[in-house]
Amino acid sequence: MLRIRPLSPERVAQMAAGEVIDSLEAALRELIENALDAQASRIQVDLWPSRWQVRVADNGQGIPGSELEQVARRYTTSKLDGRSLGFRGEALHSLARLGSLTIQTRHAADAHGWLATYDQRGELTSKQPAATALGTVVTVADLFANWPLRRCPLPQTRSLLTLIQNAALAHPEVSWQVCQEGQLLLSLWPGPSLLDLLLQMLPQVEPSDLRYRRIQEGDSDWEVVLGLPDRLHRPRPDWIRVAVNGRFVQMPAWQRLIQSVFQHTLPRHRHPVVVVHLRLPPEQVDWNRHPAKSELYLQEPQKREEQLRQYLQDLLRAGSVQASRRSLHLLRASEAKSLYRVSPSLQSPAFSAAGSSLPPLKALAQLHQTYILAEHPQGLWLVEQHLAHERVRYEEIQQHWQLVKLETPVMLQGLSSQAVEQLEQLGLEPEPFGPAAYLVRRLPLALCSEDPAEVQGSLLELSHCADLEAAQVTLACRGALRNGTPLTLEQMQQLLDAWQRTASPHTCPHGRPVYLALAETDLARYFRRRWGICDRPLSDPKLGSLRLGDRFAAQVRRLAGLPIQDPTDEVNSAPL
């Protein structure tokens, strides 16, 4: 008969060590957090994944020589004041158990530094003076040498770099240098905010592609950075990152919230770029949820979620307004140079509307009764009429969602109990009226102008919508202009103007792109054209500096009665 027996202290220690340090990434995480808690302003990381070795050097406070004997023992810590990244009293002890631990350090109170080594129990085996600067260098070698199953698979450089990037974003005041197998991988200099670090990590991103805001409200301090959805998005949600009190964590509820905010502004199957850092008093955060502290318990989680939603929506609106103003300035400069004349009817109110981020468009023709061919200052656009109208209707329905009481109710038949429940959640309150029949006495305002048959079809579709947002998208799509509908030039222009006034014109509510842009520079490159067309006369003195071939081309155009432009003009020309 099997007997229940207590585990030996040795087996308990092995279990705890394996829980805290389960990979080379976990070892690196613990060493980086120790360096940050030591108030380091410079951290250097050296990686040897093939040898399962990592070294972290910092210029922090260092460890007094008198404390080196107990630094790797179980349940010892210096992080009890509530200002650190937290403690578990197991990190260095676990590293000693699972690998070879060496610490070289110097504290300001010591006359010189020390070099210390430890055995697998965390006991000090060697301590000798060493010449070293203020700070600490911790080396862990041969990690999992006695635990071969932990060495499959080999460490991935990407996951190690992501960990370091997150630490840098959460602590922008620190400079970082990362080397792998002796080769420099990453070098980051400090900045006043996480935005400065983010731009270093994503050098291909322009500052104008991002929006940043820091908000201090009550006891909370927020930093929020997002990429404008029409310029910056990812095929994976790898740049939706959330930090709390200096540590990036897994918060699925917040990730879903962020995705929902961007849901109807991004192309389909694309994900936003959002980095959030929330700082709270330590007593409002409980880290004792996961050994790696990748999850937490947060006080008043609903309140924090609503704050985050509001900040993201405000930044998105601000991004649309700034893009509008920048585009308007460029267009006015362009108009002053006689490159393009903007019709007064297009300048206002469409383009000047606060939500617009598009240049003024002039309708030219309708293609296949589906696409609107439009001219703008930098080329041609093809606008899909159904998707553009769907975007217009969706934002109108969002802004003016209200239920109106009907004089004559609408009858629906064949509704399932789940469909009735969905309509009730939308506030439509279907009333039983005989067997398998219901009366609806209230309708969304957007449906009141439709004929009864269309209203019934719309209500049946709404009965399958999971929430209000899905219902609004359904109504926008169902009532939008259908492809195959002929439009007059005036109707096309009205649709373009209304579409330009929307807050998120680049995609429909389902995430599909609304337009295809063909820039004038692309046209010039395709036709191998070295000049644009303007009203500059041949007598312009600038033409005297043209090369022989260009002067000959100018003479040919003059004889043909065509206007001429100087191809050396950096503003007006579109050189190959």
Protein backbone atom coordinates (compact mmCIF):
# COMPACT_ATOMS: atom_id res chain seq x y z
CA MET A 1 0.00 0.00 0.00
CA LEU A 2 1.35 3.44 -0.99
CA ARG A 3 2.00 5.75 1.94
CA ILE A 4 1.63 9.53 1.93
CA ARG A 5 4.96 11.04 2.90
CA PRO A 6 6.23 14.62 3.07
CA LEU A 7 8.64 15.71 0.36
CA SER A 8 12.25 16.13 1.34
CA PRO A 9 13.59 19.71 1.56
CA GLU A 10 15.89 18.91 -1.37
CA ARG A 11 12.98 17.89 -3.63
CA VAL A 12 10.94 20.93 -2.57
CA ALA A 13 13.86 23.20 -3.47
CA GLN A 14 14.20 21.52 -6.87
CA MET A 15 10.50 22.02 -7.60
CA ALA A 16 10.64 25.67 -6.61
CA ALA A 17 13.73 26.30 -8.70
CA GLY A 18 12.19 24.65 -11.75
CA GLU A 19 9.03 26.72 -11.33
CA VAL A 20 10.84 30.06 -11.15
CA ILE A 21 13.51 29.40 -13.81
CA ASP A 22 12.08 27.35 -16.66
CA SER A 23 14.18 28.77 -19.54
CA LEU A 24 17.15 30.95 -20.42
CA GLU A 25 14.63 33.75 -20.96
CA ALA A 26 13.44 33.39 -17.33
CA ALA A 27 17.04 33.57 -16.09
CA LEU A 28 17.60 36.72 -18.11
CA ARG A 29 14.36 38.24 -16.80
CA GLU A 30 15.39 37.73 -13.16
CA LEU A 31 18.85 39.22 -13.67
CA ILE A 32 17.49 42.27 -15.52
CA GLU A 33 14.92 42.94 -12.80
CA ASN A 34 17.64 42.72 -10.13
CA ALA A 35 19.72 45.26 -12.07
CA LEU A 36 16.75 47.62 -12.39
CA ASP A 37 15.95 47.29 -8.67
CA ALA A 38 19.58 48.24 -7.96
CA GLN A 39 18.78 51.60 -9.65
CA ALA A 40 21.09 50.99 -12.59
CA SER A 41 21.18 53.58 -15.35
CA ARG A 42 23.25 51.40 -17.69
CA ILE A 43 22.77 47.67 -18.32
CA GLN A 44 24.80 45.41 -20.59
CA VAL A 45 23.54 41.95 -21.53
CA ASP A 46 25.76 39.25 -23.04
CA LEU A 47 24.11 36.11 -24.38
CA TRP A 48 25.57 32.74 -25.36
CA PRO A 49 22.44 30.67 -26.14
CA SER A 50 24.43 27.77 -27.56
CA ARG A 51 26.25 27.46 -24.21
CA TRP A 52 23.15 28.25 -22.14
CA GLN A 53 24.95 31.16 -20.59
CA VAL A 54 23.95 34.74 -19.81
CA ARG A 55 25.72 37.66 -18.18
CA VAL A 56 24.11 40.91 -17.00
CA ALA A 57 26.29 43.84 -15.93
CA ASP A 58 24.94 47.04 -14.37
CA ASN A 59 26.18 50.22 -12.73
CA GLY A 60 23.71 50.01 -9.85
CA GLN A 61 24.28 50.08 -6.12
CA GLY A 62 26.16 46.81 -5.94
CA ILE A 63 26.07 44.20 -3.17
CA PRO A 64 28.01 44.77 0.07
CA GLY A 65 30.70 42.17 0.59
CA SER A 66 29.24 41.28 3.99
CA GLU A 67 25.97 40.12 2.32
CA LEU A 68 27.47 37.91 -0.39
CA GLU A 69 27.30 34.84 1.83
CA GLN A 70 23.50 34.83 1.98
CA VAL A 71 22.60 36.42 -1.36
CA ALA A 72 21.85 33.06 -3.05
CA ARG A 73 20.13 31.33 -0.16
CA ARG A 74 16.42 30.56 -0.20
CA TYR A 75 13.96 33.20 0.94
CA THR A 76 16.41 36.07 1.09
CA THR A 77 15.70 39.44 -0.54
CA SER A 78 16.43 43.15 -0.39
CA LYS A 79 13.10 44.13 -1.96
CA LEU A 80 10.78 44.71 0.97
CA ASP A 81 10.28 48.47 0.72
CA GLY A 82 7.51 48.29 -1.95
CA ARG A 83 9.43 50.41 -4.46
CA SER A 84 11.05 47.55 -6.37
CA LEU A 85 9.71 45.24 -9.07
CA GLY A 86 8.75 42.82 -6.32
CA PHE A 87 10.43 39.74 -4.92
CA ARG A 88 9.93 36.03 -4.54
CA GLY A 89 13.08 35.15 -2.59
CA GLU A 90 13.95 32.38 -5.05
CA ALA A 91 15.65 33.91 -8.10
CA LEU A 92 19.39 33.73 -7.36
CA HIS A 93 18.94 30.55 -5.34
CA SER A 94 17.14 28.93 -8.30
CA LEU A 95 19.85 30.08 -10.70
CA ALA A 96 22.50 28.52 -8.45
CA ARG A 97 20.55 25.24 -8.34
CA LEU A 98 20.05 25.03 -12.09
CA GLY A 99 23.43 26.35 -13.29
CA SER A 100 26.76 27.81 -12.30
CA LEU A 101 26.37 31.18 -10.53
CA THR A 102 29.13 33.80 -10.30
CA ILE A 103 28.75 37.34 -8.93
CA GLN A 104 31.28 40.15 -9.29
CA THR A 105 30.25 43.29 -7.44
CA ARG A 106 31.30 46.42 -5.63
CA HIS A 107 29.26 48.50 -3.19
CA ALA A 108 30.05 52.14 -2.42
CA ALA A 109 30.74 51.21 1.22
CA ASP A 110 33.48 48.72 0.23
CA ALA A 111 37.06 49.69 -0.55
CA HIS A 112 37.22 47.20 -3.41
CA GLY A 113 35.05 44.75 -5.28
CA TRP A 114 34.47 41.05 -4.73
CA LEU A 115 34.23 37.93 -6.88
CA ALA A 116 31.97 35.23 -5.44
CA THR A 117 30.95 31.77 -6.65
CA TYR A 118 28.20 29.49 -5.35
CA ASP A 119 27.36 25.79 -5.28
CA GLN A 120 24.04 24.21 -6.26
CA ARG A 121 22.61 24.76 -2.77
CA GLY A 122 23.21 28.49 -3.04
CA GLU A 123 26.05 28.39 -0.53
CA LEU A 124 29.11 30.61 -1.00
CA THR A 125 32.10 28.52 -2.08
CA SER A 126 34.60 31.22 -2.97
CA LYS A 127 34.97 34.91 -2.17
CA GLN A 128 38.00 36.93 -3.17
CA PRO A 129 38.85 40.61 -3.81
CA ALA A 130 38.47 41.80 -7.39
CA ALA A 131 39.08 45.04 -9.24
CA THR A 132 35.66 46.18 -10.47
CA ALA A 133 33.60 49.34 -10.86
CA LEU A 134 30.55 50.17 -8.80
CA GLY A 135 27.73 47.85 -9.71
CA THR A 136 27.22 44.14 -10.26
CA VAL A 137 28.03 41.55 -12.91
CA VAL A 138 26.09 38.28 -12.61
CA THR A 139 27.00 35.31 -14.80
CA VAL A 140 24.95 32.13 -15.07
CA ALA A 141 26.62 29.34 -17.08
CA ASP A 142 25.70 25.76 -17.96
CA LEU A 143 22.03 26.38 -17.21
CA PHE A 144 20.05 23.10 -16.97
CA ALA A 145 23.24 21.04 -17.34
CA ASN A 146 21.70 18.44 -15.01
CA TRP A 147 18.21 18.97 -16.44
CA PRO A 148 18.65 18.00 -20.13
CA LEU A 149 14.94 18.00 -20.91
CA ARG A 150 14.85 21.72 -20.15
CA ARG A 151 17.31 22.32 -22.98
CA CYS A 152 14.81 21.46 -25.70
CA PRO A 153 14.36 23.52 -27.72
CA LEU A 154 17.31 25.91 -27.97
CA PRO A 155 16.64 29.50 -26.83
CA GLN A 156 15.25 31.80 -29.54
CA THR A 157 16.96 35.15 -30.04
CA ARG A 158 13.64 36.83 -30.83
CA SER A 159 12.08 35.97 -27.45
CA LEU A 160 15.20 37.14 -25.61
CA LEU A 161 15.22 40.43 -27.50
CA THR A 162 11.50 40.94 -26.87
CA LEU A 163 12.09 40.57 -23.15
CA ILE A 164 14.88 43.16 -23.25
CA GLN A 165 12.79 45.52 -25.40
CA ASN A 166 9.94 45.33 -22.91
CA ALA A 167 12.26 46.09 -20.01
CA ALA A 168 13.67 49.08 -21.92
CA LEU A 169 10.20 50.41 -22.76
CA ALA A 170 9.15 50.14 -19.12
CA HIS A 171 12.36 51.89 -17.95
CA PRO A 172 13.25 54.48 -20.62
CA GLU A 173 15.72 56.21 -18.30
CA VAL A 174 18.18 53.29 -18.71
CA SER A 175 20.66 52.77 -21.54
CA TRP A 176 21.05 49.24 -22.91
CA GLN A 177 23.60 47.23 -24.85
CA VAL A 178 22.95 43.65 -25.91
CA CYS A 179 25.48 41.26 -27.47
CA GLN A 180 25.10 37.67 -28.61
CA GLU A 181 28.12 35.44 -29.09
CA GLY A 182 30.23 38.62 -29.03
CA GLN A 183 28.22 40.40 -31.75
CA LEU A 184 26.26 43.58 -30.96
CA LEU A 185 22.50 42.98 -31.37
CA LEU A 186 20.91 46.04 -29.81
CA SER A 187 21.97 49.39 -28.46
CA LEU A 188 19.47 51.80 -26.89
CA TRP A 189 20.10 55.18 -25.34
CA PRO A 190 17.84 56.61 -22.62
CA GLY A 191 14.97 59.01 -23.25
CA PRO A 192 12.30 60.88 -21.29
CA SER A 193 9.46 58.55 -22.31
CA LEU A 194 8.76 55.12 -23.75
CA LEU A 195 8.03 56.84 -27.09
CA ASP A 196 11.75 57.63 -27.44
CA LEU A 197 12.66 53.98 -26.91
CA LEU A 198 9.93 52.74 -29.24
CA LEU A 199 11.25 54.87 -32.12
CA GLN A 200 14.71 53.35 -31.60
CA MET A 201 13.31 49.82 -31.70
CA LEU A 202 11.25 50.53 -34.83
CA PRO A 203 13.59 52.71 -36.92
CA GLN A 204 11.43 52.32 -40.03
CA VAL A 205 8.53 54.07 -38.26
CA GLU A 206 8.19 57.83 -38.63
CA PRO A 207 7.31 59.86 -35.50
CA SER A 208 4.26 61.17 -37.36
CA ASP A 209 2.97 57.56 -37.58
CA LEU A 210 2.58 57.43 -33.79
CA ARG A 211 0.51 59.23 -31.18
CA TYR A 212 1.73 59.53 -27.57
CA ARG A 213 0.09 60.78 -24.43
CA ARG A 214 0.95 60.75 -20.74
CA ILE A 215 -1.96 61.16 -18.34
CA GLN A 216 -1.79 61.56 -14.57
CA GLU A 217 -5.23 61.13 -13.10
CA GLY A 218 -5.70 60.63 -9.37
CA ASP A 219 -3.38 57.87 -8.18
CA SER A 220 -2.74 56.51 -11.69
CA ASP A 221 -0.05 57.50 -14.19
CA TRP A 222 -0.58 56.35 -17.80
CA GLU A 223 1.70 56.33 -20.81
CA VAL A 224 -0.03 55.38 -24.06
CA VAL A 225 1.51 55.10 -27.53
CA LEU A 226 -0.43 53.95 -30.58
CA GLY A 227 0.24 53.69 -34.29
CA LEU A 228 -2.21 55.47 -36.58
CA PRO A 229 -4.25 52.62 -38.06
CA ASP A 230 -4.05 53.86 -41.65
CA ARG A 231 -0.24 53.90 -41.50
CA LEU A 232 0.89 51.31 -38.99
CA HIS A 233 -0.45 47.81 -38.36
CA ARG A 234 0.88 44.30 -37.94
CA PRO A 235 0.01 40.80 -39.23
CA ARG A 236 0.24 39.55 -35.62
CA PRO A 237 -0.71 41.14 -32.29
CA ASP A 238 2.95 41.15 -31.21
CA TRP A 239 3.03 44.90 -30.65
CA ILE A 240 0.04 45.08 -28.33
CA ARG A 241 2.00 45.37 -25.10
CA VAL A 242 0.85 46.31 -21.61
CA ALA A 243 3.05 47.13 -18.61
CA VAL A 244 2.10 47.73 -14.99
CA ASN A 245 4.55 49.28 -12.52
CA GLY A 246 7.64 48.63 -14.62
CA ARG A 247 6.86 45.10 -15.80
CA PHE A 248 5.16 43.95 -19.01
CA VAL A 249 2.40 41.48 -18.27
CA GLN A 250 -0.19 39.27 -19.94
CA MET A 251 -3.63 40.91 -19.64
CA PRO A 252 -6.00 39.19 -22.09
CA ALA A 253 -8.93 41.44 -21.14
CA TRP A 254 -6.93 44.56 -22.00
CA GLN A 255 -5.70 43.02 -25.24
CA ARG A 256 -9.29 42.30 -26.28
CA LEU A 257 -10.27 45.86 -25.32
CA ILE A 258 -7.49 47.33 -27.47
CA GLN A 259 -8.47 45.13 -30.40
CA SER A 260 -12.10 46.23 -30.08
CA VAL A 261 -11.15 49.93 -30.15
CA PHE A 262 -9.28 49.41 -33.43
CA GLN A 263 -11.67 46.80 -34.83
CA HIS A 264 -13.34 49.01 -37.43
CA THR A 265 -10.32 51.14 -38.35
CA LEU A 266 -7.83 48.47 -39.50
CA PRO A 267 -7.68 46.31 -42.62
CA ARG A 268 -8.96 42.79 -42.16
CA HIS A 269 -6.66 40.38 -40.31
CA ARG A 270 -4.35 43.20 -39.21
CA HIS A 271 -3.52 44.23 -35.65
CA PRO A 272 -2.68 47.61 -34.08
CA VAL A 273 0.57 48.88 -32.60
CA VAL A 274 -0.21 49.90 -29.01
CA VAL A 275 2.08 50.15 -25.98
CA VAL A 276 0.58 51.01 -22.58
CA HIS A 277 2.32 51.56 -19.24
CA LEU A 278 0.21 52.04 -16.11
CA ARG A 279 1.82 53.05 -12.82
CA LEU A 280 -0.16 52.56 -9.62
CA PRO A 281 0.57 52.55 -5.87
CA PRO A 282 2.09 49.13 -4.96
CA GLU A 283 -0.80 48.23 -2.68
CA GLN A 284 -3.17 48.23 -5.68
CA VAL A 285 -1.24 45.49 -7.49
CA ASP A 286 -0.92 41.85 -6.39
CA TRP A 287 1.83 40.00 -8.26
CA ASN A 288 1.26 36.64 -6.55
CA ARG A 289 -0.64 35.11 -9.44
CA HIS A 290 2.12 33.53 -11.54
CA PRO A 291 5.71 32.46 -10.68
CA ALA A 292 7.06 34.57 -13.56
CA LYS A 293 4.89 37.54 -12.48
CA SER A 294 3.54 37.69 -16.02
CA GLU A 295 0.01 37.95 -14.62
CA LEU A 296 -1.42 39.98 -11.76
CA TYR A 297 -4.46 40.98 -9.77
CA LEU A 298 -5.41 44.62 -10.20
CA GLN A 299 -7.58 46.73 -7.95
CA GLU A 300 -10.66 48.21 -9.70
CA PRO A 301 -9.99 46.51 -13.06
CA GLN A 302 -13.20 47.80 -14.69
CA LYS A 303 -12.29 51.38 -13.88
CA ARG A 304 -8.83 50.98 -15.42
CA GLU A 305 -10.28 49.37 -18.55
CA GLU A 306 -12.66 52.27 -19.11
CA GLN A 307 -9.83 54.75 -18.62
CA LEU A 308 -7.73 52.92 -21.20
CA ARG A 309 -10.60 52.80 -23.70
CA GLN A 310 -11.16 56.55 -23.37
CA TYR A 311 -7.47 57.40 -23.78
CA LEU A 312 -7.16 55.26 -26.91
CA GLN A 313 -10.26 56.78 -28.49
CA ASP A 314 -9.05 60.31 -27.69
CA LEU A 315 -5.66 59.60 -29.29
CA LEU A 316 -7.29 58.18 -32.41
CA ARG A 317 -9.48 61.28 -32.80
CA ALA A 318 -6.50 63.57 -32.21
CA GLY A 319 -4.54 61.68 -34.87
CA SER A 320 -7.27 62.25 -37.44
CA VAL A 321 -7.40 66.00 -36.72
CA GLN A 322 -3.61 66.44 -36.96
CA ALA A 323 -3.45 64.51 -40.22
CA SER A 324 -6.19 66.74 -41.62
CA ARG A 325 -4.37 69.94 -40.71
CA ARG A 326 -1.06 68.68 -42.13
CA SER A 327 -2.66 67.66 -45.42
CA LEU A 328 -4.47 71.00 -45.70
CA HIS A 329 -1.21 72.89 -45.21
CA LEU A 330 0.49 70.87 -47.97
CA LEU A 331 -2.40 71.39 -50.34
CA ARG A 332 -2.42 75.14 -49.81
CA ALA A 333 1.31 75.26 -50.52
CA SER A 334 0.74 73.19 -53.64
CA GLU A 335 -2.06 75.46 -54.79
CA ALA A 336 0.11 78.54 -54.30
CA LYS A 337 2.59 77.07 -56.80
CA SER A 338 -0.17 76.63 -59.39
CA LEU A 339 0.32 72.89 -59.49
CA TYR A 340 -3.28 72.11 -58.65
CA ARG A 341 -6.36 74.24 -58.25
CA VAL A 342 -8.73 73.16 -55.49
CA SER A 343 -12.37 73.89 -56.17
CA PRO A 344 -13.93 76.11 -53.46
CA SER A 345 -16.80 73.64 -53.18
CA LEU A 346 -14.33 70.91 -52.21
CA GLN A 347 -12.35 72.95 -49.72
CA SER A 348 -15.28 73.29 -47.35
CA PRO A 349 -16.78 71.68 -45.48
CA ALA A 350 -15.55 68.23 -46.54
CA PHE A 351 -11.81 68.58 -46.20
CA SER A 352 -11.89 71.08 -43.36
CA ALA A 353 -13.98 68.75 -41.24
CA ALA A 354 -12.27 67.79 -38.00
CA GLY A 355 -12.35 64.06 -38.66
CA SER A 356 -10.98 64.05 -42.19
CA SER A 357 -7.44 62.92 -42.98
CA LEU A 358 -7.84 62.81 -46.77
CA PRO A 359 -7.02 65.34 -49.49
CA PRO A 360 -9.91 66.94 -51.40
CA LEU A 361 -11.28 64.67 -54.11
CA LYS A 362 -13.01 65.56 -57.35
CA ALA A 363 -15.32 62.94 -58.86
CA LEU A 364 -14.53 62.21 -62.52
CA ALA A 365 -16.45 59.08 -63.51
CA GLN A 366 -18.03 55.84 -62.39
CA LEU A 367 -16.42 52.54 -63.44
CA HIS A 368 -18.57 49.40 -63.79
CA GLN A 369 -21.16 51.09 -61.57
CA THR A 370 -18.96 50.07 -58.65
CA TYR A 371 -15.94 52.36 -58.43
CA ILE A 372 -15.72 56.14 -58.35
CA LEU A 373 -12.72 57.52 -60.24
CA ALA A 374 -11.57 60.61 -58.34
CA GLU A 375 -8.80 63.14 -58.89
CA HIS A 376 -6.77 64.59 -56.06
CA PRO A 377 -3.67 66.83 -55.93
CA GLN A 378 -1.21 63.94 -56.09
CA GLY A 379 -2.87 61.55 -58.52
CA LEU A 380 -5.97 59.37 -58.97
CA TRP A 381 -8.03 57.28 -56.56
CA LEU A 382 -10.48 54.45 -57.13
CA VAL A 383 -13.11 54.53 -54.38
CA GLU A 384 -15.40 51.52 -53.89
CA GLN A 385 -18.83 53.14 -53.55
CA HIS A 386 -20.47 50.51 -51.31
CA LEU A 387 -17.58 50.48 -48.82
CA ALA A 388 -17.36 54.28 -48.71
CA HIS A 389 -21.10 54.60 -48.08
CA GLU A 390 -20.89 51.82 -45.48
CA ARG A 391 -18.26 53.81 -43.56
CA VAL A 392 -20.44 56.93 -43.73
CA ARG A 393 -23.54 55.10 -42.48
CA TYR A 394 -21.65 53.29 -39.72
CA GLU A 395 -20.33 56.49 -38.15
CA GLU A 396 -23.71 58.20 -38.51
CA ILE A 397 -25.43 55.26 -36.80
CA GLN A 398 -22.83 55.27 -34.02
CA GLN A 399 -23.28 58.99 -33.37
CA HIS A 400 -27.06 59.00 -33.58
CA TRP A 401 -28.06 55.61 -32.23
CA GLN A 402 -31.49 55.97 -30.67
CA LEU A 403 -34.69 53.97 -30.62
CA VAL A 404 -37.90 55.55 -31.95
CA LYS A 405 -41.43 54.43 -31.09
CA LEU A 406 -43.47 53.34 -34.13
CA GLU A 407 -47.09 54.18 -34.83
CA THR A 408 -47.51 50.85 -36.63
CA PRO A 409 -45.52 47.95 -35.14
CA VAL A 410 -43.50 45.56 -37.29
CA MET A 411 -44.40 41.86 -37.17
CA LEU A 412 -41.73 39.19 -37.14
CA GLN A 413 -42.32 35.46 -37.45
CA GLY A 414 -40.23 32.39 -36.87
CA LEU A 415 -37.93 33.90 -34.24
CA SER A 416 -36.01 31.49 -32.04
CA SER A 417 -35.74 32.09 -28.30
CA GLN A 418 -32.10 33.12 -28.80
CA ALA A 419 -33.08 35.62 -31.51
CA VAL A 420 -35.71 37.14 -29.21
CA GLU A 421 -33.12 37.43 -26.47
CA GLN A 422 -30.68 39.20 -28.83
CA LEU A 423 -33.35 41.73 -29.84
CA GLU A 424 -34.16 42.36 -26.19
CA GLN A 425 -30.49 43.07 -25.46
CA LEU A 426 -30.57 45.70 -28.22
CA GLY A 427 -33.56 47.34 -26.54
CA LEU A 428 -36.07 46.40 -29.26
CA GLU A 429 -38.27 44.37 -26.84
CA PRO A 430 -40.27 42.09 -29.19
CA GLU A 431 -43.75 41.29 -27.79
CA PRO A 432 -45.42 37.88 -28.33
CA PHE A 433 -48.33 38.12 -30.76
CA GLY A 434 -49.88 34.77 -31.38
CA PRO A 435 -48.02 31.53 -32.10
CA ALA A 436 -44.43 32.09 -33.33
CA ALA A 437 -45.07 35.79 -34.00
CA TYR A 438 -43.74 38.94 -32.35
CA LEU A 439 -44.40 42.67 -32.60
CA VAL A 440 -41.60 45.23 -32.51
CA ARG A 441 -42.77 48.71 -31.52
CA ARG A 442 -39.41 50.47 -31.39
CA LEU A 443 -36.83 50.82 -34.14
CA PRO A 444 -33.38 52.37 -34.50
CA LEU A 445 -33.69 55.76 -36.13
CA ALA A 446 -31.60 54.56 -39.10
CA LEU A 447 -34.34 52.06 -40.04
CA CYS A 448 -37.34 54.37 -39.84
CA SER A 449 -37.04 55.61 -43.43
CA GLU A 450 -36.93 52.12 -44.97
CA ASP A 451 -39.93 50.31 -46.43
CA PRO A 452 -41.58 47.61 -44.24
CA ALA A 453 -40.07 44.68 -46.14
CA GLU A 454 -36.55 46.07 -45.69
CA VAL A 455 -37.26 46.76 -42.02
CA GLN A 456 -38.29 43.16 -41.44
CA GLY A 457 -35.14 41.89 -43.15
CA SER A 458 -32.98 44.23 -41.09
CA LEU A 459 -34.59 43.15 -37.82
CA LEU A 460 -34.06 39.50 -38.68
CA GLU A 461 -30.38 40.22 -39.26
CA LEU A 462 -30.17 42.15 -35.99
CA SER A 463 -31.57 39.13 -34.16
CA HIS A 464 -28.31 37.31 -35.00
CA CYS A 465 -26.00 40.09 -33.75
CA ALA A 466 -24.10 39.39 -30.55
CA ASP A 467 -23.94 42.99 -29.31
CA LEU A 468 -24.74 46.61 -30.14
CA GLU A 469 -21.54 47.17 -32.12
CA ALA A 470 -22.21 44.19 -34.37
CA ALA A 471 -25.76 45.46 -34.88
CA GLN A 472 -24.52 48.88 -35.96
CA VAL A 473 -22.12 47.31 -38.47
CA THR A 474 -24.96 45.15 -39.82
CA LEU A 475 -27.27 48.14 -40.29
CA ALA A 476 -24.52 50.14 -41.97
CA CYS A 477 -23.78 47.35 -44.44
CA ARG A 478 -27.40 46.49 -45.18
CA GLY A 479 -28.42 50.07 -45.93
CA ALA A 480 -25.30 51.09 -47.83
CA LEU A 481 -25.32 51.87 -51.54
CA ARG A 482 -25.13 48.66 -53.55
CA ASN A 483 -22.54 48.01 -56.21
CA GLY A 484 -24.13 48.07 -59.63
CA THR A 485 -26.10 51.23 -58.82
CA PRO A 486 -25.54 54.01 -61.39
CA LEU A 487 -24.65 57.43 -59.94
CA THR A 488 -24.61 60.90 -61.41
CA LEU A 489 -21.50 63.03 -61.10
CA GLU A 490 -23.22 65.11 -58.42
CA GLN A 491 -24.17 62.00 -56.42
CA MET A 492 -20.61 60.71 -56.64
CA GLN A 493 -19.24 64.02 -55.38
CA GLN A 494 -21.71 64.08 -52.48
CA LEU A 495 -20.67 60.58 -51.47
CA LEU A 496 -16.97 61.47 -51.65
CA ASP A 497 -17.54 64.58 -49.53
CA ALA A 498 -19.47 62.65 -46.88
CA TRP A 499 -16.88 59.89 -46.83
CA GLN A 500 -14.04 62.37 -46.38
CA ARG A 501 -15.74 63.76 -43.28
CA THR A 502 -15.61 60.39 -41.50
CA ALA A 503 -13.15 59.78 -38.66
CA SER A 504 -11.71 56.53 -40.12
CA PRO A 505 -12.07 56.74 -43.91
CA HIS A 506 -9.37 54.25 -44.84
CA THR A 507 -11.36 51.08 -44.14
CA CYS A 508 -14.98 49.99 -44.00
CA PRO A 509 -16.36 48.78 -40.63
CA HIS A 510 -15.37 45.22 -41.60
CA GLY A 511 -11.73 46.25 -42.14
CA ARG A 512 -11.70 46.21 -45.96
CA PRO A 513 -9.79 49.01 -47.75
CA VAL A 514 -12.12 51.63 -49.23
CA TYR A 515 -9.87 53.06 -51.94
CA LEU A 516 -6.90 52.35 -54.17
CA ALA A 517 -4.48 55.28 -54.52
CA LEU A 518 -2.37 55.84 -57.64
CA ALA A 519 0.08 58.69 -57.01
CA GLU A 520 1.16 61.10 -59.75
CA THR A 521 4.76 60.12 -59.08
CA ASP A 522 3.84 56.50 -59.88
CA LEU A 523 2.26 57.64 -63.15
CA ALA A 524 5.35 59.66 -64.02
CA ARG A 525 7.60 56.70 -63.27
CA TYR A 526 5.50 54.33 -65.35
CA PHE A 527 5.47 56.65 -68.39
CA ARG A 528 9.14 57.55 -67.82
CA ARG A 529 8.29 61.21 -67.61
CA ARG A 530 10.93 63.57 -66.28
CA TRP A 531 8.75 66.66 -65.86
CA GLY A 532 5.31 67.65 -64.73
CA ILE A 533 2.93 70.01 -66.53
CA CYS A 534 2.46 73.60 -65.41
CA ASP A 535 2.11 77.08 -66.85
CA ARG A 536 5.76 78.19 -66.67
CA PRO A 537 6.78 79.99 -69.93
CA LEU A 538 9.84 78.96 -71.88
CA SER A 539 11.37 82.37 -71.17
CA ASP A 540 11.70 81.44 -67.50
CA PRO A 541 15.40 82.08 -66.62
CA LYS A 542 15.61 78.76 -64.77
CA LEU A 543 15.35 76.93 -68.09
CA GLY A 544 18.76 78.29 -69.04
CA SER A 545 20.37 75.76 -66.70
CA LEU A 546 18.83 72.75 -68.41
CA ARG A 547 20.89 70.01 -69.94
CA LEU A 548 20.98 69.82 -73.74
CA GLY A 549 18.52 66.93 -73.95
CA ASP A 550 16.06 68.66 -71.65
CA ARG A 551 16.38 71.95 -73.55
CA PHE A 552 15.62 70.09 -76.80
CA ALA A 553 12.57 68.46 -75.19
CA ALA A 554 11.42 71.88 -73.98
CA GLN A 555 11.70 73.31 -77.50
CA VAL A 556 9.71 70.38 -78.91
CA ARG A 557 6.96 70.95 -76.34
CA ARG A 558 6.91 74.69 -77.11
CA LEU A 559 6.53 74.02 -80.84
CA ALA A 560 3.74 71.57 -80.06
CA GLY A 561 1.95 74.21 -78.02
CA LEU A 562 2.34 72.26 -74.75
CA PRO A 563 3.19 73.87 -71.40
CA ILE A 564 6.70 73.27 -70.09
CA GLN A 565 8.13 72.67 -66.63
CA ASP A 566 11.71 72.71 -65.44
CA PRO A 567 12.63 69.09 -64.59
CA THR A 568 15.27 70.32 -62.11
CA ASP A 569 12.60 71.93 -59.91
CA GLU A 570 12.66 69.79 -56.75
CA VAL A 571 9.14 70.79 -55.75
CA ASN A 572 7.32 70.37 -59.04
CA SER A 573 9.21 67.59 -60.83
CA ALA A 574 8.81 63.86 -60.47
CA PRO A 575 12.22 62.50 -61.57
CA LEU A 576 12.78 58.80 -62.07
